[in-house]
PDB file of N, CA and C in Angstrom:
ATOM      1  N   MET A   1     -54.486  96.889 -35.905  1.00  0.00           N
ATOM      2  CA  MET A   1     -53.920  95.557 -34.739  1.00  0.00           C
ATOM      3  C   MET A   1     -54.879  94.453 -35.092  1.00  0.00           C
ATOM      4  N   ILE A   2     -55.955  95.314 -34.456  1.00  0.00           N
ATOM      5  CA  ILE A   2     -57.207  94.099 -34.785  1.00  0.00           C
ATOM      6  C   ILE A   2     -57.553  93.399 -35.588  1.00  0.00           C
ATOM      7  N   GLU A   3     -57.162  93.894 -36.711  1.00  0.00           N
ATOM      8  CA  GLU A   3     -57.179  93.348 -38.710  1.00  0.00           C
ATOM      9  C   GLU A   3     -55.886  91.859 -38.120  1.00  0.00           C
ATOM     10  N   VAL A   4     -54.944  92.275 -37.587  1.00  0.00           N
ATOM     11  CA  VAL A   4     -54.249  91.308 -38.164  1.00  0.00           C
ATOM     12  C   VAL A   4     -54.443  90.333 -36.804  1.00  0.00           C
ATOM     13  N   LEU A   5     -55.314  90.471 -35.818  1.00  0.00           N
ATOM     14  CA  LEU A   5     -55.398  89.689 -35.144  1.00  0.00           C
ATOM     15  C   LEU A   5     -56.259  88.947 -35.754  1.00  0.00           C
ATOM     16  N   ALA A   6     -57.689  89.746 -36.350  1.00  0.00           N
ATOM     17  CA  ALA A   6     -58.829  89.073 -37.276  1.00  0.00           C
ATOM     18  C   ALA A   6     -58.246  87.839 -37.964  1.00  0.00           C
ATOM     19  N   ALA A   7     -56.810  88.231 -38.903  1.00  0.00           N
ATOM     20  CA  ALA A   7     -56.283  87.930 -39.938  1.00  0.00           C
ATOM     21  C   ALA A   7     -55.887  86.547 -39.591  1.00  0.00           C
ATOM     22  N   VAL A   8     -54.773  86.382 -38.188  1.00  0.00           N
ATOM     23  CA  VAL A   8     -54.315  85.345 -37.593  1.00  0.00           C
ATOM     24  C   VAL A   8     -55.317  84.429 -37.325  1.00  0.00           C
ATOM     25  N   ALA A   9     -56.413  84.952 -36.326  1.00  0.00           N
ATOM     26  CA  ALA A   9     -57.455  83.874 -35.800  1.00  0.00           C
ATOM     27  C   ALA A   9     -58.650  83.301 -37.024  1.00  0.00           C
ATOM     28  N   GLY A  10     -58.993  84.067 -38.167  1.00  0.00           N
ATOM     29  CA  GLY A  10     -59.152  83.647 -39.180  1.00  0.00           C
ATOM     30  C   GLY A  10     -58.445  82.151 -40.067  1.00  0.00           C
ATOM     31  N   ALA A  11     -56.826  82.678 -40.028  1.00  0.00           N
ATOM     32  CA  ALA A  11     -56.138  81.632 -40.768  1.00  0.00           C
ATOM     33  C   ALA A  11     -56.088  80.695 -39.401  1.00  0.00           C
ATOM     34  N   GLY A  12     -55.608  80.830 -38.592  1.00  0.00           N
ATOM     35  CA  GLY A  12     -55.911  79.588 -37.548  1.00  0.00           C
ATOM     36  C   GLY A  12     -57.029  78.787 -37.531  1.00  0.00           C
ATOM     37  N   ILE A  13     -58.276  79.352 -38.025  1.00  0.00           N
ATOM     38  CA  ILE A  13     -59.362  78.700 -38.002  1.00  0.00           C
ATOM     39  C   ILE A  13     -59.894  77.358 -39.301  1.00  0.00           C
ATOM     40  N   THR A  14     -58.808  78.230 -40.471  1.00  0.00           N
ATOM     41  CA  THR A  14     -59.399  77.935 -41.359  1.00  0.00           C
ATOM     42  C   THR A  14     -57.903  76.486 -41.415  1.00  0.00           C
ATOM     43  N   ALA A  15     -56.852  77.025 -41.165  1.00  0.00           N
ATOM     44  CA  ALA A  15     -55.983  75.848 -40.565  1.00  0.00           C
ATOM     45  C   ALA A  15     -56.590  74.424 -40.003  1.00  0.00           C
ATOM     46  N   ALA A  16     -57.017  75.161 -38.746  1.00  0.00           N
ATOM     47  CA  ALA A  16     -58.025  73.397 -38.349  1.00  0.00           C
ATOM     48  C   ALA A  16     -59.037  73.145 -39.334  1.00  0.00           C
ATOM     49  N   ALA A  17     -60.357  73.680 -39.356  1.00  0.00           N
ATOM     50  CA  ALA A  17     -61.150  73.191 -40.186  1.00  0.00           C
ATOM     51  C   ALA A  17     -60.222  71.908 -41.593  1.00  0.00           C
ATOM     52  N   MET A  18     -59.514  72.611 -42.393  1.00  0.00           N
ATOM     53  CA  MET A  18     -58.842  71.788 -43.138  1.00  0.00           C
ATOM     54  C   MET A  18     -58.426  70.417 -42.598  1.00  0.00           C
ATOM     55  N   GLY A  19     -57.382  70.813 -41.204  1.00  0.00           N
ATOM     56  CA  GLY A  19     -57.008  69.399 -40.473  1.00  0.00           C
ATOM     57  C   GLY A  19     -58.352  68.869 -40.533  1.00  0.00           C
ATOM     58  N   LEU A  20     -59.086  68.630 -39.481  1.00  0.00           N
ATOM     59  CA  LEU A  20     -60.364  68.246 -39.646  1.00  0.00           C
ATOM     60  C   LEU A  20     -60.863  67.379 -40.903  1.00  0.00           C
ATOM     61  N   GLY A  21     -60.718  68.319 -41.873  1.00  0.00           N
ATOM     62  CA  GLY A  21     -61.112  67.748 -43.153  1.00  0.00           C
ATOM     63  C   GLY A  21     -59.991  66.708 -43.746  1.00  0.00           C
ATOM     64  N   GLY A  22     -58.799  66.790 -43.348  1.00  0.00           N
ATOM     65  CA  GLY A  22     -58.319  65.811 -43.914  1.00  0.00           C
ATOM     66  C   GLY A  22     -58.066  64.784 -42.701  1.00  0.00           C
ATOM     67  N   PHE A  23     -58.572  65.000 -41.221  1.00  0.00           N
ATOM     68  CA  PHE A  23     -58.947  63.773 -41.027  1.00  0.00           C
ATOM     69  C   PHE A  23     -60.028  62.950 -41.017  1.00  0.00           C
ATOM     70  N   SER A  24     -60.762  63.242 -41.577  1.00  0.00           N
ATOM     71  CA  SER A  24     -61.950  62.977 -41.999  1.00  0.00           C
ATOM     72  C   SER A  24     -61.804  61.832 -42.924  1.00  0.00           C
ATOM     73  N   ARG A  25     -61.549  62.540 -43.881  1.00  0.00           N
ATOM     74  CA  ARG A  25     -61.143  62.083 -45.066  1.00  0.00           C
ATOM     75  C   ARG A  25     -60.240  60.702 -45.139  1.00  0.00           C
ATOM     76  N   ARG A  26     -59.379  61.080 -44.196  1.00  0.00           N
ATOM     77  CA  ARG A  26     -58.200  59.632 -43.813  1.00  0.00           C
ATOM     78  C   ARG A  26     -59.249  58.587 -43.436  1.00  0.00           C
ATOM     79  N   ASN A  27     -60.430  58.816 -42.471  1.00  0.00           N
ATOM     80  CA  ASN A  27     -61.019  58.420 -41.738  1.00  0.00           C
ATOM     81  C   ASN A  27     -61.937  57.422 -42.390  1.00  0.00           C
ATOM     82  N   ASP A  28     -62.209  57.858 -43.485  1.00  0.00           N
ATOM     83  CA  ASP A  28     -63.584  57.102 -44.605  1.00  0.00           C
ATOM     84  C   ASP A  28     -62.951  56.507 -45.507  1.00  0.00           C
ATOM     85  N   GLU A  29     -61.221  56.739 -45.837  1.00  0.00           N
ATOM     86  CA  GLU A  29     -60.421  55.999 -46.467  1.00  0.00           C
ATOM     87  C   GLU A  29     -59.933  54.438 -45.720  1.00  0.00           C
ATOM     88  N   ALA A  30     -59.754  54.593 -44.712  1.00  0.00           N
ATOM     89  CA  ALA A  30     -59.262  53.590 -43.772  1.00  0.00           C
ATOM     90  C   ALA A  30     -60.770  52.681 -43.502  1.00  0.00           C
ATOM     91  N   ARG A  31     -61.626  53.449 -43.670  1.00  0.00           N
ATOM     92  CA  ARG A  31     -62.780  52.459 -43.504  1.00  0.00           C
ATOM     93  C   ARG A  31     -63.486  51.921 -44.383  1.00  0.00           C
ATOM     94  N   THR A  32     -62.821  52.693 -45.355  1.00  0.00           N
ATOM     95  CA  THR A  32     -63.399  51.780 -47.273  1.00  0.00           C
ATOM     96  C   THR A  32     -62.137  50.682 -47.523  1.00  0.00           C
ATOM     97  N   ALA A  33     -61.036  50.688 -46.817  1.00  0.00           N
ATOM     98  CA  ALA A  33     -59.878  49.787 -47.199  1.00  0.00           C
ATOM     99  C   ALA A  33     -60.362  48.692 -45.900  1.00  0.00           C
ATOM    100  N   VAL A  34     -60.529  48.832 -44.700  1.00  0.00           N
ATOM    101  CA  VAL A  34     -61.384  47.616 -43.749  1.00  0.00           C
ATOM    102  C   VAL A  34     -62.587  46.754 -44.325  1.00  0.00           C
ATOM    103  N   ILE A  35     -63.046  47.516 -45.173  1.00  0.00           N
ATOM    104  CA  ILE A  35     -64.498  46.803 -45.195  1.00  0.00           C
ATOM    105  C   ILE A  35     -64.165  45.499 -46.764  1.00  0.00           C
ATOM    106  N   ARG A  36     -63.033  46.883 -47.612  1.00  0.00           N
ATOM    107  CA  ARG A  36     -62.398  45.732 -48.828  1.00  0.00           C
ATOM    108  C   ARG A  36     -61.834  44.830 -48.550  1.00  0.00           C
ATOM    109  N   LEU A  37     -60.920  44.932 -46.782  1.00  0.00           N
ATOM    110  CA  LEU A  37     -59.900  44.083 -46.737  1.00  0.00           C
ATOM    111  C   LEU A  37     -61.034  42.701 -46.400  1.00  0.00           C
ATOM    112  N   THR A  38     -61.571  43.161 -45.613  1.00  0.00           N
ATOM    113  CA  THR A  38     -62.627  42.248 -44.711  1.00  0.00           C
ATOM    114  C   THR A  38     -63.414  41.241 -46.249  1.00  0.00           C
ATOM    115  N   THR A  39     -64.028  41.794 -47.204  1.00  0.00           N
ATOM    116  CA  THR A  39     -64.723  41.267 -47.938  1.00  0.00           C
ATOM    117  C   THR A  39     -63.751  40.328 -49.059  1.00  0.00           C
ATOM    118  N   SER A  40     -62.921  40.481 -48.825  1.00  0.00           N
ATOM    119  CA  SER A  40     -62.085  39.373 -50.006  1.00  0.00           C
ATOM    120  C   SER A  40     -61.467  38.659 -48.579  1.00  0.00           C
ATOM    121  N   VAL A  41     -61.524  38.692 -47.573  1.00  0.00           N
ATOM    122  CA  VAL A  41     -61.025  37.527 -46.417  1.00  0.00           C
ATOM    123  C   VAL A  41     -61.938  36.796 -46.579  1.00  0.00           C
ATOM    124  N   GLU A  42     -63.216  37.250 -46.963  1.00  0.00           N
ATOM    125  CA  GLU A  42     -64.377  36.749 -46.891  1.00  0.00           C
ATOM    126  C   GLU A  42     -64.794  35.711 -47.863  1.00  0.00           C
ATOM    127  N   HIS A  43     -64.459  36.082 -48.977  1.00  0.00           N
ATOM    128  CA  HIS A  43     -64.334  35.852 -50.659  1.00  0.00           C
ATOM    129  C   HIS A  43     -63.432  34.445 -50.106  1.00  0.00           C
ATOM    130  N   ILE A  44     -62.008  34.708 -49.822  1.00  0.00           N
ATOM    131  CA  ILE A  44     -60.965  33.915 -50.107  1.00  0.00           C
ATOM    132  C   ILE A  44     -61.604  32.467 -48.766  1.00  0.00           C
ATOM    133  N   ALA A  45     -61.591  32.971 -47.706  1.00  0.00           N
ATOM    134  CA  ALA A  45     -62.740  31.892 -47.092  1.00  0.00           C
ATOM    135  C   ALA A  45     -63.527  31.034 -47.708  1.00  0.00           C
ATOM    136  N   THR A  46     -64.090  31.340 -48.730  1.00  0.00           N
ATOM    137  CA  THR A  46     -65.669  30.910 -48.881  1.00  0.00           C
ATOM    138  C   THR A  46     -65.244  29.785 -50.073  1.00  0.00           C
ATOM    139  N   GLN A  47     -64.106  30.834 -50.966  1.00  0.00           N
ATOM    140  CA  GLN A  47     -63.482  29.809 -52.345  1.00  0.00           C
ATOM    141  C   GLN A  47     -62.477  28.908 -51.317  1.00  0.00           C
ATOM    142  N   LEU A  48     -62.008  28.980 -50.356  1.00  0.00           N
ATOM    143  CA  LEU A  48     -61.041  27.503 -49.642  1.00  0.00           C
ATOM    144  C   LEU A  48     -62.043  26.531 -48.984  1.00  0.00           C
ATOM    145  N   GLU A  49     -63.056  26.638 -48.935  1.00  0.00           N
ATOM    146  CA  GLU A  49     -64.328  25.898 -48.448  1.00  0.00           C
ATOM    147  C   GLU A  49     -64.608  25.276 -49.889  1.00  0.00           C
ATOM    148  N   VAL A  50     -64.984  25.834 -50.830  1.00  0.00           N
ATOM    149  CA  VAL A  50     -64.693  25.196 -52.640  1.00  0.00           C
ATOM    150  C   VAL A  50     -63.996  24.387 -52.736  1.00  0.00           C
ATOM    151  N   ILE A  51     -62.825  25.098 -52.163  1.00  0.00           N
ATOM    152  CA  ILE A  51     -61.707  23.685 -52.720  1.00  0.00           C
ATOM    153  C   ILE A  51     -61.740  22.471 -52.096  1.00  0.00           C
ATOM    154  N   HIS A  52     -61.951  22.616 -50.752  1.00  0.00           N
ATOM    155  CA  HIS A  52     -61.719  21.496 -50.131  1.00  0.00           C
ATOM    156  C   HIS A  52     -62.871  20.697 -49.995  1.00  0.00           C
ATOM    157  N   THR A  53     -63.980  20.970 -50.697  1.00  0.00           N
ATOM    158  CA  THR A  53     -65.060  19.991 -50.652  1.00  0.00           C
ATOM    159  C   THR A  53     -64.754  19.364 -51.972  1.00  0.00           C
ATOM    160  N   ASP A  54     -64.010  19.806 -53.394  1.00  0.00           N
ATOM    161  CA  ASP A  54     -63.611  19.259 -54.182  1.00  0.00           C
ATOM    162  C   ASP A  54     -63.120  18.778 -54.200  1.00  0.00           C
ATOM    163  N   MET A  55     -61.695  18.660 -53.367  1.00  0.00           N
ATOM    164  CA  MET A  55     -60.497  17.890 -53.105  1.00  0.00           C
ATOM    165  C   MET A  55     -61.316  16.698 -52.003  1.00  0.00           C
ATOM    166  N   ARG A  56     -61.790  16.632 -51.442  1.00  0.00           N
ATOM    167  CA  ARG A  56     -62.575  15.983 -50.713  1.00  0.00           C
ATOM    168  C   ARG A  56     -63.372  14.561 -51.777  1.00  0.00           C
ATOM    169  N   ASP A  57     -63.797  15.406 -52.388  1.00  0.00           N
ATOM    170  CA  ASP A  57     -64.665  14.417 -52.860  1.00  0.00           C
ATOM    171  C   ASP A  57     -63.840  13.651 -54.195  1.00  0.00           C
ATOM    172  N   ALA A  58     -62.864  14.820 -54.862  1.00  0.00           N
ATOM    173  CA  ALA A  58     -61.823  13.850 -55.483  1.00  0.00           C
ATOM    174  C   ALA A  58     -60.837  12.623 -54.936  1.00  0.00           C
ATOM    175  N   ASN A  59     -60.495  13.148 -53.665  1.00  0.00           N
ATOM    176  CA  ASN A  59     -60.238  11.982 -52.875  1.00  0.00           C
ATOM    177  C   ASN A  59     -60.805  10.646 -52.824  1.00  0.00           C
ATOM    178  N   ARG A  60     -62.003  10.916 -52.430  1.00  0.00           N
ATOM    179  CA  ARG A  60     -63.139  10.001 -52.173  1.00  0.00           C
ATOM    180  C   ARG A  60     -63.088   9.171 -53.125  1.00  0.00           C
ATOM    181  N   GLU A  61     -63.376   9.944 -54.758  1.00  0.00           N
ATOM    182  CA  GLU A  61     -63.457   9.216 -55.861  1.00  0.00           C
ATOM    183  C   GLU A  61     -61.882   8.169 -56.100  1.00  0.00           C
ATOM    184  N   THR A  62     -60.909   8.923 -56.062  1.00  0.00           N
ATOM    185  CA  THR A  62     -59.885   7.967 -56.119  1.00  0.00           C
ATOM    186  C   THR A  62     -59.697   7.123 -55.571  1.00  0.00           C
ATOM    187  N   PHE A  63     -59.760   7.326 -53.771  1.00  0.00           N
ATOM    188  CA  PHE A  63     -59.754   6.057 -53.387  1.00  0.00           C
ATOM    189  C   PHE A  63     -60.443   4.475 -53.414  1.00  0.00           C
ATOM    190  N   SER A  64     -62.009   5.156 -54.064  1.00  0.00           N
ATOM    191  CA  SER A  64     -62.646   4.039 -54.626  1.00  0.00           C
ATOM    192  C   SER A  64     -62.009   3.276 -55.573  1.00  0.00           C
ATOM    193  N   ARG A  65     -61.646   4.103 -56.469  1.00  0.00           N
ATOM    194  CA  ARG A  65     -60.896   3.600 -57.330  1.00  0.00           C
ATOM    195  C   ARG A  65     -59.851   2.835 -57.324  1.00  0.00           C
ATOM    196  N   LEU A  66     -58.880   3.005 -56.309  1.00  0.00           N
ATOM    197  CA  LEU A  66     -58.237   2.079 -55.956  1.00  0.00           C
ATOM    198  C   LEU A  66     -58.448   0.957 -55.432  1.00  0.00           C
ATOM    199  N   ASN A  67     -59.094   1.363 -54.473  1.00  0.00           N
ATOM    200  CA  ASN A  67     -60.120   0.250 -53.958  1.00  0.00           C
ATOM    201  C   ASN A  67     -60.698  -1.078 -54.671  1.00  0.00           C
ATOM    202  N   LEU A  68     -61.328  -0.582 -55.877  1.00  0.00           N
ATOM    203  CA  LEU A  68     -61.459  -1.562 -57.065  1.00  0.00           C
ATOM    204  C   LEU A  68     -60.598  -2.392 -57.817  1.00  0.00           C
ATOM    205  N   VAL A  69     -59.818  -1.540 -57.813  1.00  0.00           N
ATOM    206  CA  VAL A  69     -58.426  -2.176 -58.480  1.00  0.00           C
ATOM    207  C   VAL A  69     -57.608  -3.239 -57.571  1.00  0.00           C
ATOM    208  N   GLU A  70     -57.525  -2.786 -56.108  1.00  0.00           N
ATOM    209  CA  GLU A  70     -56.975  -3.247 -55.602  1.00  0.00           C
ATOM    210  C   GLU A  70     -57.833  -5.094 -55.426  1.00  0.00           C
ATOM    211  N   GLN A  71     -58.833  -4.739 -55.256  1.00  0.00           N
ATOM    212  CA  GLN A  71     -59.620  -5.823 -55.022  1.00  0.00           C
ATOM    213  C   GLN A  71     -59.909  -6.249 -56.262  1.00  0.00           C
ATOM    214  N   ARG A  72     -60.040  -6.155 -57.436  1.00  0.00           N
ATOM    215  CA  ARG A  72     -59.617  -6.830 -58.561  1.00  0.00           C
ATOM    216  C   ARG A  72     -57.961  -7.682 -59.194  1.00  0.00           C
ATOM    217  N   LEU A  73     -57.233  -7.199 -58.222  1.00  0.00           N
ATOM    218  CA  LEU A  73     -55.733  -7.501 -58.470  1.00  0.00           C
ATOM    219  C   LEU A  73     -55.892  -8.688 -57.299  1.00  0.00           C
ATOM    220  N   ALA A  74     -56.146  -8.568 -56.534  1.00  0.00           N
ATOM    221  CA  ALA A  74     -56.325  -9.308 -55.416  1.00  0.00           C
ATOM    222  C   ALA A  74     -57.036 -10.622 -56.232  1.00  0.00           C
ATOM    223  N   LYS A  75     -58.159 -10.565 -56.667  1.00  0.00           N
ATOM    224  CA  LYS A  75     -58.954 -11.600 -57.078  1.00  0.00           C
ATOM    225  C   LYS A  75     -58.005 -12.424 -58.478  1.00  0.00           C
ATOM    226  N   LEU A  76     -56.839 -11.468 -59.206  1.00  0.00           N
ATOM    227  CA  LEU A  76     -56.386 -12.055 -60.268  1.00  0.00           C
ATOM    228  C   LEU A  76     -54.844 -12.927 -59.291  1.00  0.00           C
ATOM    229  N   GLU A  77     -54.497 -12.664 -58.516  1.00  0.00           N
ATOM    230  CA  GLU A  77     -53.617 -13.504 -57.620  1.00  0.00           C
ATOM    231  C   GLU A  77     -53.869 -14.589 -57.075  1.00  0.00           C
ATOM    232  N   ALA A  78     -55.131 -14.355 -56.527  1.00  0.00           N
ATOM    233  CA  ALA A  78     -55.985 -15.697 -56.510  1.00  0.00           C
ATOM    234  C   ALA A  78     -56.171 -17.082 -57.144  1.00  0.00           C
ATOM    235  N   HIS A  79     -56.115 -16.542 -58.444  1.00  0.00           N
ATOM    236  CA  HIS A  79     -56.171 -17.403 -59.240  1.00  0.00           C
ATOM    237  C   HIS A  79     -55.185 -17.420 -60.233  1.00  0.00           C
ATOM    238  N   PRO A  80     -54.389 -18.275 -59.907  1.00  0.00           N
ATOM    239  CA  PRO A  80     -52.870 -18.658 -60.688  1.00  0.00           C
ATOM    240  C   PRO A  80     -53.246 -19.018 -62.174  1.00  0.00           C
ATOM    241  N   HIS A  81     -52.533 -18.828 -62.569  1.00  0.00           N
ATOM    242  CA  HIS A  81     -52.696 -19.356 -64.697  1.00  0.00           C
ATOM    243  C   HIS A  81     -51.364 -20.388 -64.528  1.00  0.00           C
ATOM    244  N   PRO A  82     -52.216 -20.822 -65.582  1.00  0.00           N
ATOM    245  CA  PRO A  82     -51.599 -22.285 -65.668  1.00  0.00           C
ATOM    246  C   PRO A  82     -49.839 -21.956 -66.939  1.00  0.00           C
TER     247      PRO A  82
END
């Protein structure tokens, strides 16, 4: 009878230890996933800042060229051709 109780207690302890091990592993996996997601979001934010800067510079160049063309056109319109 004692052997049966010892076997049941041993099985219970083993099951509890395995459950804690699985919980710890899932916890580590979740932490790793959070770190990966955080790193990915930070990378995307950096890339968006770069794209924003590039777009701002491109817009600045485009509008300065349009302004120059507009000024040249205004000069041509001011001088009528014979």
